[in-house]
């Protein structure tokens, strides 16, 4: 009986990990550490002269604060015509995470 419970526990943990790290996730996520950059939007005009950044922070996946919107990044860079938008994420053990939006334009 004890081996059966141990086997069921292993299956439950594997199932939970599959749900958390499944392919339904919008971005690749590491359980221990994540540091990724993803393109979000790009236009055909690649001549960007300005860059604006906005950021938000997550602590213990319990508290999140900040404004990582495209609008905030454009305002921070003085951009009125957006050429591209990128997204960066960094997380350490899910304890501390930062999420940045980078806007390039004129």
Foldseek 3Di string as FASTA:
>chain_A
DVVVVVVVVVVVVVVVCCVVQPPVDPDHDDQAKDKDKFWDDADPDPDFDWKFKWKKKDALVPDIDTDQDPVNRCVRTVADDWGTKMKIKIDGNSGMIMIMIMTTHD
